[in-house]
């Protein structure tokens, strides 16, 4: 019997380690288009050189109009793969510090 894939990945490709799946995600009404691994300053802005904080990491693709999507807003602790995150033009050290404040540890630098 052929296996049929009816759903796609949930965007957790950037996760390296987590103790309990889904506890670190919040449903956020994101109004900016993005894909899993994009770091958000807030629900309508991706992180950039002018950012002073982060909301979290987008955990699934969105066109910005689909309503609430999963965003990793906290760790438990959780570690994420640096190679799979999108920092745009933001300073990586600052962003990683803000993520670590939320319990999200960036590894594989």
C-alpha atoms as a PDB file:
ATOM      1  CA  UNK A   1       0.000   0.000   0.000  1.00  0.00           C
ATOM      2  CA  UNK A   2       1.331   3.442  -0.930  1.00  0.00           C
ATOM      3  CA  UNK A   3       1.732   5.972   1.860  1.00  0.00           C
ATOM      4  CA  UNK A   4       0.105   9.319   1.055  1.00  0.00           C
ATOM      5  CA  UNK A   5       1.433  12.457   2.691  1.00  0.00           C
ATOM      6  CA  UNK A   6      -1.600  14.583   3.471  1.00  0.00           C
ATOM      7  CA  UNK A   7      -0.005  17.229   5.672  1.00  0.00           C
ATOM      8  CA  UNK A   8       3.249  19.106   5.479  1.00  0.00           C
ATOM      9  CA  UNK A   9       5.822  19.632   8.205  1.00  0.00           C
ATOM     10  CA  UNK A  10       4.761  21.916  11.036  1.00  0.00           C
ATOM     11  CA  UNK A  11       7.778  24.185  10.666  1.00  0.00           C
ATOM     12  CA  UNK A  12       9.806  22.810  13.522  1.00  0.00           C
ATOM     13  CA  UNK A  13      12.811  22.153  11.297  1.00  0.00           C
ATOM     14  CA  UNK A  14      14.835  24.710  13.262  1.00  0.00           C
ATOM     15  CA  UNK A  15      14.371  22.843  16.582  1.00  0.00           C
ATOM     16  CA  UNK A  16      17.390  20.967  17.875  1.00  0.00           C
ATOM     17  CA  UNK A  17      16.210  19.943  21.325  1.00  0.00           C
ATOM     18  CA  UNK A  18      13.029  20.388  23.285  1.00  0.00           C
ATOM     19  CA  UNK A  19      11.693  18.654  26.370  1.00  0.00           C
ATOM     20  CA  UNK A  20       7.999  18.992  25.580  1.00  0.00           C
ATOM     21  CA  UNK A  21       6.664  19.738  22.116  1.00  0.00           C
ATOM     22  CA  UNK A  22       4.148  22.602  21.604  1.00  0.00           C
ATOM     23  CA  UNK A  23       4.463  24.145  25.067  1.00  0.00           C
ATOM     24  CA  UNK A  24       6.804  26.805  23.674  1.00  0.00           C
ATOM     25  CA  UNK A  25       4.423  27.961  20.919  1.00  0.00           C
ATOM     26  CA  UNK A  26       1.722  30.613  21.024  1.00  0.00           C
ATOM     27  CA  UNK A  27      -0.944  31.242  18.395  1.00  0.00           C
ATOM     28  CA  UNK A  28      -0.172  34.756  17.168  1.00  0.00           C
ATOM     29  CA  UNK A  29      -2.118  36.756  14.590  1.00  0.00           C
ATOM     30  CA  UNK A  30       0.926  37.443  12.389  1.00  0.00           C
ATOM     31  CA  UNK A  31       0.318  40.095   9.731  1.00  0.00           C
ATOM     32  CA  UNK A  32       3.617  39.778   7.851  1.00  0.00           C
ATOM     33  CA  UNK A  33       4.439  37.083   5.297  1.00  0.00           C
ATOM     34  CA  UNK A  34       7.145  34.687   6.360  1.00  0.00           C
ATOM     35  CA  UNK A  35       8.336  31.111   6.679  1.00  0.00           C
ATOM     36  CA  UNK A  36       9.507  28.836   9.480  1.00  0.00           C
ATOM     37  CA  UNK A  37      12.699  30.177  11.017  1.00  0.00           C
ATOM     38  CA  UNK A  38      11.961  33.875  10.459  1.00  0.00           C
ATOM     39  CA  UNK A  39      12.549  35.812  13.662  1.00  0.00           C
ATOM     40  CA  UNK A  40       9.799  38.305  14.461  1.00  0.00           C
ATOM     41  CA  UNK A  41      10.196  41.596  16.290  1.00  0.00           C
ATOM     42  CA  UNK A  42       6.430  41.718  16.741  1.00  0.00           C
ATOM     43  CA  UNK A  43       3.349  40.295  15.019  1.00  0.00           C
ATOM     44  CA  UNK A  44       3.733  42.610  12.021  1.00  0.00           C
ATOM     45  CA  UNK A  45       7.519  42.990  11.663  1.00  0.00           C
ATOM     46  CA  UNK A  46      10.462  40.693  11.024  1.00  0.00           C
ATOM     47  CA  UNK A  47      13.569  41.415  13.066  1.00  0.00           C
ATOM     48  CA  UNK A  48      15.922  44.013  11.542  1.00  0.00           C
ATOM     49  CA  UNK A  49      18.869  46.258  12.376  1.00  0.00           C
ATOM     50  CA  UNK A  50      16.530  48.677  14.170  1.00  0.00           C
ATOM     51  CA  UNK A  51      14.938  46.039  16.418  1.00  0.00           C
ATOM     52  CA  UNK A  52      15.246  46.287  20.189  1.00  0.00           C
ATOM     53  CA  UNK A  53      13.423  43.061  21.114  1.00  0.00           C
ATOM     54  CA  UNK A  54      11.955  39.920  19.611  1.00  0.00           C
ATOM     55  CA  UNK A  55       8.555  38.271  19.863  1.00  0.00           C
ATOM     56  CA  UNK A  56       9.844  34.858  18.792  1.00  0.00           C
ATOM     57  CA  UNK A  57      10.468  32.545  15.859  1.00  0.00           C
ATOM     58  CA  UNK A  58       7.833  31.900  13.219  1.00  0.00           C
ATOM     59  CA  UNK A  59       7.148  28.155  13.227  1.00  0.00           C
ATOM     60  CA  UNK A  60       5.181  27.828  10.006  1.00  0.00           C
ATOM     61  CA  UNK A  61       4.769  29.538   6.667  1.00  0.00           C
ATOM     62  CA  UNK A  62       2.218  32.334   6.457  1.00  0.00           C
ATOM     63  CA  UNK A  63       1.170  34.913   3.905  1.00  0.00           C
ATOM     64  CA  UNK A  64       0.280  37.353   6.679  1.00  0.00           C
ATOM     65  CA  UNK A  65      -3.460  37.116   6.191  1.00  0.00           C
ATOM     66  CA  UNK A  66      -4.278  33.611   7.403  1.00  0.00           C
ATOM     67  CA  UNK A  67      -4.965  34.549  11.027  1.00  0.00           C
ATOM     68  CA  UNK A  68      -3.176  33.020  14.010  1.00  0.00           C
ATOM     69  CA  UNK A  69      -0.089  30.897  13.337  1.00  0.00           C
ATOM     70  CA  UNK A  70       2.401  29.164  15.639  1.00  0.00           C
ATOM     71  CA  UNK A  71       5.256  31.292  16.966  1.00  0.00           C
ATOM     72  CA  UNK A  72       7.929  29.984  19.342  1.00  0.00           C
ATOM     73  CA  UNK A  73       7.788  32.617  22.070  1.00  0.00           C
ATOM     74  CA  UNK A  74       9.517  30.776  24.915  1.00  0.00           C
ATOM     75  CA  UNK A  75      11.808  27.921  25.665  1.00  0.00           C
ATOM     76  CA  UNK A  76      11.407  25.119  28.171  1.00  0.00           C
ATOM     77  CA  UNK A  77      14.433  25.143  27.572  1.00  0.00           C
ATOM     78  CA  UNK A  78      14.608  24.677  23.843  1.00  0.00           C
ATOM     79  CA  UNK A  79      17.538  24.995  21.496  1.00  0.00           C
ATOM     80  CA  UNK A  80      17.282  26.067  17.874  1.00  0.00           C
ATOM     81  CA  UNK A  81      19.661  25.706  14.932  1.00  0.00           C
ATOM     82  CA  UNK A  82      21.419  28.977  14.059  1.00  0.00           C
ATOM     83  CA  UNK A  83      21.843  27.799  10.460  1.00  0.00           C
ATOM     84  CA  UNK A  84      18.065  27.609   9.947  1.00  0.00           C
ATOM     85  CA  UNK A  85      17.090  31.001  11.384  1.00  0.00           C
ATOM     86  CA  UNK A  86      16.580  34.186   9.378  1.00  0.00           C
ATOM     87  CA  UNK A  87      18.163  37.204  11.110  1.00  0.00           C
ATOM     88  CA  UNK A  88      17.719  39.586   8.145  1.00  0.00           C
ATOM     89  CA  UNK A  89      20.159  42.463   8.776  1.00  0.00           C
ATOM     90  CA  UNK A  90      19.857  42.359  12.577  1.00  0.00           C
ATOM     91  CA  UNK A  91      22.898  41.844  14.780  1.00  0.00           C
ATOM     92  CA  UNK A  92      22.932  38.114  15.523  1.00  0.00           C
ATOM     93  CA  UNK A  93      24.419  38.532  19.006  1.00  0.00           C
ATOM     94  CA  UNK A  94      21.614  40.920  20.038  1.00  0.00           C
ATOM     95  CA  UNK A  95      18.896  38.655  18.636  1.00  0.00           C
ATOM     96  CA  UNK A  96      20.396  35.579  20.268  1.00  0.00           C
ATOM     97  CA  UNK A  97      20.503  37.428  23.601  1.00  0.00           C
ATOM     98  CA  UNK A  98      16.823  38.357  23.303  1.00  0.00           C
ATOM     99  CA  UNK A  99      15.938  34.768  22.402  1.00  0.00           C
ATOM    100  CA  UNK A 100      17.962  33.456  25.353  1.00  0.00           C
ATOM    101  CA  UNK A 101      16.053  35.850  27.640  1.00  0.00           C
ATOM    102  CA  UNK A 102      12.953  33.882  26.574  1.00  0.00           C
ATOM    103  CA  UNK A 103      14.693  30.553  27.238  1.00  0.00           C
ATOM    104  CA  UNK A 104      15.421  29.812  23.569  1.00  0.00           C
ATOM    105  CA  UNK A 105      19.082  28.835  23.141  1.00  0.00           C
ATOM    106  CA  UNK A 106      20.735  29.171  19.712  1.00  0.00           C
ATOM    107  CA  UNK A 107      23.230  26.406  18.874  1.00  0.00           C
ATOM    108  CA  UNK A 108      25.280  25.346  15.819  1.00  0.00           C
ATOM    109  CA  UNK A 109      26.772  28.818  15.347  1.00  0.00           C
END
